[in-house]
Protein backbone atom coordinates (compact mmCIF):
# COMPACT_ATOMS: atom_id res chain seq x y z
CA MET A 1 0.13 -0.06 0.17
CA ILE A 2 2.85 2.25 0.96
CA ASN A 3 4.62 1.68 -2.43
CA LEU A 4 1.60 2.28 -4.36
CA VAL A 5 1.11 5.69 -2.62
CA LEU A 6 4.89 6.46 -3.03
CA SER A 7 4.69 5.32 -6.53
CA SER A 8 1.45 7.29 -7.27
CA SER A 9 2.74 10.52 -6.02
CA VAL A 10 5.90 10.26 -8.11
CA GLN A 11 3.84 9.48 -11.00
CA SER A 12 1.76 12.75 -10.38
CA ALA A 13 4.28 15.06 -9.87
CA ARG A 14 5.76 13.95 -13.10
CA TYR A 15 2.60 14.50 -15.10
CA PHE A 16 2.19 17.83 -13.39
CA ASP A 17 5.50 18.67 -14.39
CA ILE A 18 5.32 17.75 -17.72
CA ALA A 19 1.92 19.67 -17.61
CA SER A 20 3.83 22.99 -16.58
CA LEU A 21 6.73 22.90 -18.97
CA VAL A 22 4.09 22.52 -21.89
CA LEU A 23 2.04 25.04 -20.49
CA LEU A 24 5.07 27.67 -20.14
CA ILE A 25 6.24 26.65 -23.65
CA TYR A 26 2.65 27.52 -25.44
CA ASP A 27 2.35 30.77 -23.71
CA THR A 28 6.30 31.57 -24.24
CA CYS A 29 4.96 30.98 -28.39
CA LEU A 30 1.73 33.24 -27.78
CA THR A 31 3.90 36.12 -26.40
CA PHE A 32 7.21 35.96 -28.15
CA ASP A 33 6.19 38.69 -30.55
CA LEU A 34 5.21 41.51 -27.78
CA GLU A 35 8.00 40.66 -25.60
CA VAL A 36 10.29 41.04 -29.13
CA ASP A 37 8.16 44.46 -29.43
CA TYR A 38 8.53 45.88 -26.36
CA VAL A 39 10.87 44.03 -24.07
CA TRP A 40 14.09 43.03 -25.86
CA PHE A 41 14.78 46.39 -28.11
CA ALA A 42 13.82 48.27 -25.03
CA PRO A 43 16.66 50.20 -23.01
CA ILE A 44 18.62 48.30 -20.77
CA SER A 45 17.24 48.82 -17.27
CA ALA A 46 17.15 46.57 -13.36
CA PHE A 47 13.30 46.27 -14.79
CA LYS A 48 14.05 44.34 -18.03
CA VAL A 49 16.48 41.99 -16.42
CA LEU A 50 14.25 41.43 -13.53
CA TYR A 51 11.78 40.18 -16.48
CA PHE A 52 13.99 38.12 -18.19
CA LEU A 53 14.94 36.44 -15.08
CA SER A 54 11.17 36.09 -14.04
CA ARG A 55 10.53 35.01 -17.43
CA TYR A 56 13.81 32.23 -18.46
CA SER A 57 14.92 31.13 -14.82
CA ILE A 58 11.90 28.74 -14.71
CA PHE A 59 13.29 26.42 -17.44
CA ILE A 60 16.41 25.89 -15.59
CA SER A 61 14.38 24.20 -12.78
CA LEU A 62 11.91 22.59 -15.81
CA LEU A 63 14.77 21.21 -17.93
CA TYR A 64 17.04 19.89 -14.77
CA ILE A 65 13.65 17.89 -13.72
CA TRP A 66 12.78 16.79 -16.86
CA GLN A 67 16.33 14.86 -17.38
CA THR A 68 15.48 13.16 -14.32
CA PHE A 69 12.43 11.70 -15.69
CA GLY A 70 14.65 9.12 -17.43
CA THR A 71 17.83 8.85 -14.55
CA THR A 72 18.00 6.25 -12.18
CA PHE A 73 19.29 7.80 -8.59
CA SER A 74 21.13 4.83 -6.49
CA GLY A 75 20.80 6.84 -3.37
CA ALA A 76 18.76 9.32 -1.66
CA GLU A 77 21.87 12.09 -1.54
CA ALA A 78 21.63 12.80 -5.37
CA CYS A 79 17.64 12.99 -4.64
CA ASN A 80 18.31 15.61 -1.95
CA ARG A 81 20.96 17.63 -3.99
CA LEU A 82 18.38 18.12 -6.92
CA PHE A 83 15.26 18.95 -4.50
CA THR A 84 17.77 21.34 -3.00
CA PHE A 85 18.52 23.22 -6.02
CA ASN A 86 15.40 23.51 -7.11
CA ALA A 87 13.70 24.47 -3.84
CA TRP A 88 15.90 27.67 -3.99
CA MET A 89 15.66 28.10 -7.39
CA LEU A 90 11.98 28.22 -7.19
CA THR A 91 12.42 30.62 -4.13
CA PHE A 92 14.48 32.75 -6.01
CA GLY A 93 12.00 32.84 -9.21
CA PHE A 94 9.18 33.56 -7.02
CA GLY A 95 11.31 36.74 -4.95
CA ILE A 96 11.85 37.81 -8.67
CA THR A 97 8.02 37.90 -9.54
CA GLU A 98 6.77 38.89 -6.64
CA MET A 99 9.46 41.94 -7.11
CA ILE A 100 8.26 42.96 -10.69
CA LEU A 101 4.67 43.26 -9.06
CA THR A 102 5.57 45.22 -6.37
CA VAL A 103 7.39 47.46 -8.82
CA ARG A 104 4.23 47.66 -10.64
CA LEU A 105 2.02 48.73 -7.46
CA CYS A 106 4.44 51.28 -6.77
CA ALA A 107 3.56 52.70 -10.40
CA VAL A 108 0.32 52.49 -9.96
CA TRP A 109 0.55 54.85 -6.75
CA GLY A 110 2.52 57.15 -8.80
CA MET A 111 6.11 56.12 -7.34
CA ASN A 112 4.99 57.95 -4.00
CA ARG A 113 8.22 58.42 -1.91
CA THR A 114 6.15 57.27 1.07
CA PHE A 115 4.13 54.50 -0.35
CA ASN A 116 7.52 52.67 -1.74
CA VAL A 117 9.40 52.87 1.19
CA MET A 118 6.35 51.02 3.00
CA ILE A 119 5.81 48.61 0.60
CA GLY A 120 9.52 48.00 -0.01
CA THR A 121 9.54 47.43 3.50
CA PHE A 122 7.19 45.06 3.67
CA PHE A 123 8.84 43.33 0.76
CA ALA A 124 12.00 43.00 2.35
CA MET A 125 10.39 41.40 5.32
CA PHE A 126 8.33 39.12 3.39
CA MET A 127 11.40 37.64 1.45
CA ILE A 128 13.49 37.33 4.42
CA GLY A 129 10.87 35.28 6.30
CA VAL A 130 10.48 33.36 2.67
CA PHE A 131 14.28 32.28 2.55
CA ILE A 132 14.41 31.31 6.64
CA ILE A 133 11.06 29.02 6.31
CA VAL A 134 13.09 27.55 3.27
CA SER A 135 16.11 27.36 5.01
CA VAL A 136 14.61 25.65 8.01
CA PHE A 137 12.63 23.29 5.87
CA LEU A 138 15.56 22.02 3.65
CA HIS A 139 16.89 20.77 6.98
CA THR A 140 13.72 18.72 7.57
CA VAL A 141 13.31 16.87 4.10
CA GLN A 142 14.56 13.62 3.23
CA TYR A 143 14.37 12.44 -0.51
CA GLU A 144 14.45 8.75 -1.55
CA PRO A 145 15.17 6.96 -5.02
CA ALA A 146 11.24 6.00 -6.32
CA VAL A 147 10.24 2.46 -6.26
CA ASP A 148 11.48 1.94 -9.67
CA GLY A 149 14.49 3.89 -9.05
CA ILE A 150 13.90 6.49 -11.56
CA GLY A 151 13.08 9.51 -9.89
CA CYS A 152 12.55 10.56 -6.12
CA PHE A 153 9.76 11.17 -3.83
CA MET A 154 9.66 12.96 -0.52
CA ALA A 155 9.72 10.59 2.24
CA SER A 156 10.09 13.22 5.16
CA GLY A 157 9.57 17.24 5.49
CA SER A 158 8.21 19.39 8.14
CA ARG A 159 4.90 21.27 7.31
CA ILE A 160 6.49 24.42 8.09
CA ILE A 161 7.01 25.27 4.53
CA SER A 162 3.19 25.66 4.45
CA LEU A 163 4.09 29.30 5.85
CA THR A 164 5.62 30.16 2.68
CA TRP A 165 2.80 29.92 0.98
CA ILE A 166 0.52 31.29 4.06
CA PHE A 167 3.39 34.80 3.93
CA MET A 168 2.68 34.62 0.00
CA MET A 169 -1.30 34.56 0.04
CA ALA A 170 -0.82 37.31 2.70
CA TYR A 171 1.15 39.61 0.41
CA ASP A 172 -0.54 39.07 -3.05
CA ALA A 173 -3.66 39.82 -0.75
CA LEU A 174 -1.82 43.08 0.87
CA THR A 175 -1.05 43.88 -3.07
CA LEU A 176 -4.30 43.02 -4.34
CA LEU A 177 -5.95 45.40 -1.51
CA LEU A 178 -3.48 48.01 -2.23
CA MET A 179 -4.29 47.99 -6.30
CA MET A 180 -8.13 48.19 -5.26
CA ILE A 181 -7.56 51.53 -3.39
CA PRO A 182 -6.72 53.51 -6.49
CA ALA A 183 -9.54 52.13 -8.64
CA TYR A 184 -12.04 52.87 -5.99
CA THR A 185 -10.30 56.75 -5.45
CA LEU A 186 -10.99 56.83 -9.37
CA VAL A 187 -15.13 55.43 -8.81
CA GLN A 188 -15.53 58.16 -6.15
CA GLN A 189 -14.33 60.66 -7.99
CA GLY A 190 -16.12 59.85 -11.21
CA HIS A 191 -13.40 59.33 -13.82
CA ILE A 192 -13.23 55.77 -13.96
CA LYS A 193 -16.37 55.79 -17.12
CA HIS A 194 -14.22 57.72 -18.90
CA LEU A 195 -11.04 56.18 -17.90
CA TRP A 196 -12.42 52.26 -19.05
CA ARG A 197 -12.75 53.19 -21.94
CA MET A 198 -8.93 53.24 -22.09
CA LYS A 199 -7.10 49.89 -22.56
CA LEU A 200 -4.35 50.95 -20.35
CA THR A 201 -6.63 51.35 -17.77
CA THR A 202 -8.27 48.00 -18.04
CA VAL A 203 -5.14 46.35 -18.02
CA VAL A 204 -3.50 47.99 -14.85
CA TYR A 205 -6.76 47.61 -12.63
CA ARG A 206 -8.97 44.84 -13.90
CA ASP A 207 -6.53 42.33 -15.06
CA GLY A 208 -4.35 43.19 -12.42
CA ILE A 209 -6.71 42.72 -9.64
CA ILE A 210 -7.84 39.41 -11.31
CA TYR A 211 -4.30 38.07 -11.58
CA TYR A 212 -3.66 39.15 -7.93
CA PHE A 213 -6.91 37.04 -6.99
CA PHE A 214 -5.64 34.06 -8.91
CA LEU A 215 -1.86 34.18 -7.35
CA CYS A 216 -3.72 33.93 -4.02
CA VAL A 217 -5.80 30.93 -4.75
CA ALA A 218 -2.77 29.27 -5.64
CA SER A 219 -1.00 29.60 -2.72
CA LEU A 220 -4.03 28.48 -0.96
CA LEU A 221 -4.22 24.99 -2.68
CA ASN A 222 -0.24 24.63 -1.92
CA VAL A 223 -1.51 25.02 2.05
CA ILE A 224 -4.13 22.51 1.25
CA VAL A 225 -2.10 19.85 -0.34
CA ILE A 226 0.65 20.51 2.58
CA PHE A 227 -2.12 19.62 5.03
CA VAL A 228 -4.48 17.11 3.59
CA LEU A 229 -2.27 14.86 1.16
CA PRO A 230 0.23 12.31 2.39
CA THR A 231 3.96 13.78 2.72
CA ALA A 232 5.00 12.35 -0.51
CA TYR A 233 2.68 14.96 -2.43
CA MET A 234 3.49 18.20 -0.89
CA PRO A 235 5.46 19.03 -3.52
CA LEU A 236 2.64 18.22 -6.25
CA ILE A 237 1.68 21.76 -7.55
CA LEU A 238 5.30 23.62 -6.45
CA MET A 239 6.11 23.63 -10.37
CA PRO A 240 2.63 24.56 -11.65
CA GLU A 241 2.53 27.74 -9.16
CA ARG A 242 6.01 28.72 -10.04
CA VAL A 243 4.99 28.47 -14.12
CA LEU A 244 1.65 30.31 -12.89
CA HIS A 245 3.76 33.33 -11.34
CA THR A 246 5.91 33.45 -14.14
CA ILE A 247 2.91 33.88 -17.05
CA LEU A 248 0.82 35.86 -15.29
CA THR A 249 3.92 38.10 -14.60
CA SER A 250 4.78 38.36 -17.83
CA ARG A 251 1.80 39.35 -19.26
CA LEU A 252 1.00 42.00 -16.87
CA VAL A 253 4.35 43.31 -18.10
CA LEU A 254 3.32 42.86 -21.98
CA ASP A 255 -0.24 44.06 -22.08
CA THR A 256 0.94 47.35 -19.31
CA ARG A 257 3.12 48.04 -22.18
CA GLN A 258 0.72 47.17 -25.13
CA ALA A 259 -1.89 49.38 -23.93
CA GLY A 260 0.46 52.08 -23.01
CA LYS A 261 1.32 52.31 -26.74
CA ALA A 262 -1.90 51.99 -28.15
CA ASN A 263 -2.95 54.76 -26.00
CA GLN A 264 -0.35 56.98 -26.83
CA GLU A 265 -1.23 56.42 -30.73
CA SER A 266 -4.98 57.10 -30.00
CA LEU A 267 -3.97 60.51 -28.39
CA LEU A 268 -1.70 61.03 -31.22
CA THR A 269 -4.83 60.53 -33.45
CA LEU A 270 -7.33 62.20 -31.66
CA SER A 271 -4.70 65.26 -31.49
CA THR A 272 -3.99 65.05 -35.00
CA PHE A 273 -8.31 64.99 -35.90
CA SER A 274 -8.96 68.09 -33.68
CA ALA A 275 -6.07 70.30 -35.70
CA LEU A 276 -7.84 69.22 -38.99
CA ASN A 277 -10.77 69.93 -37.79
CA ASN A 278 -10.12 72.84 -35.69
CA PRO A 279 -7.71 74.94 -37.48
CA GLU A 280 -6.28 78.00 -36.01
CA PRO A 281 -7.26 80.90 -37.50
CA SER A 282 -4.86 82.61 -40.36
CA SER A 283 -3.24 85.92 -38.72
């Protein structure tokens, strides 16, 4: 019975990881033209570097896992090295995506200095907490080769790792609330009907709020998996959530830049049309 559970957990993890890789490649193909137009040829900046780290560091983890599907592990040491490497890579990736979302939130608030210091402090506390929890968790983890020798399963691990997802869920909920405040202010001031016609406003507020909601749900699902399923299933949706973070963050960046360009073109067209229909009187 135990062997059946362990074998099932390894097989399920393989399916989830393969599905995550396929989804990531599919989304990358769909958005590659936008990425070339709005990121690749944009001026070098810290934000551009963050985008590329978020977008492509995930492939290192996925490809590293992919090569283990046909690899026979002779002992626990090799399995633990693999998991430790991926745990820190994923933690790094989550931190980068959350940093991008935080910078975007600062832009929504008009890069207000007081707000930037406040949210920057929260972000630093959040990431320090996550790194401490992951470090403690890795000292409790023990991986073993799968029953057939191909791949690994988690034999033991503290549920303290659930605090990582609880922290992430709380931070995403905070950013969701902070996104809704400026939107509510626009509604109260009566500007939202006019602004809602602009694609940029839709992307920044509506899409941003929806994406933050999905990220909160994904973290909640991870907490449920950790406490409901056997230990061997603990990493089951770890990779899918990392891929979800990458996809949603990348789309927010690309859609925002595309919408910003579209609004600029619309304003230019409107200005030109107005000038043609209301020429200045000749002196």
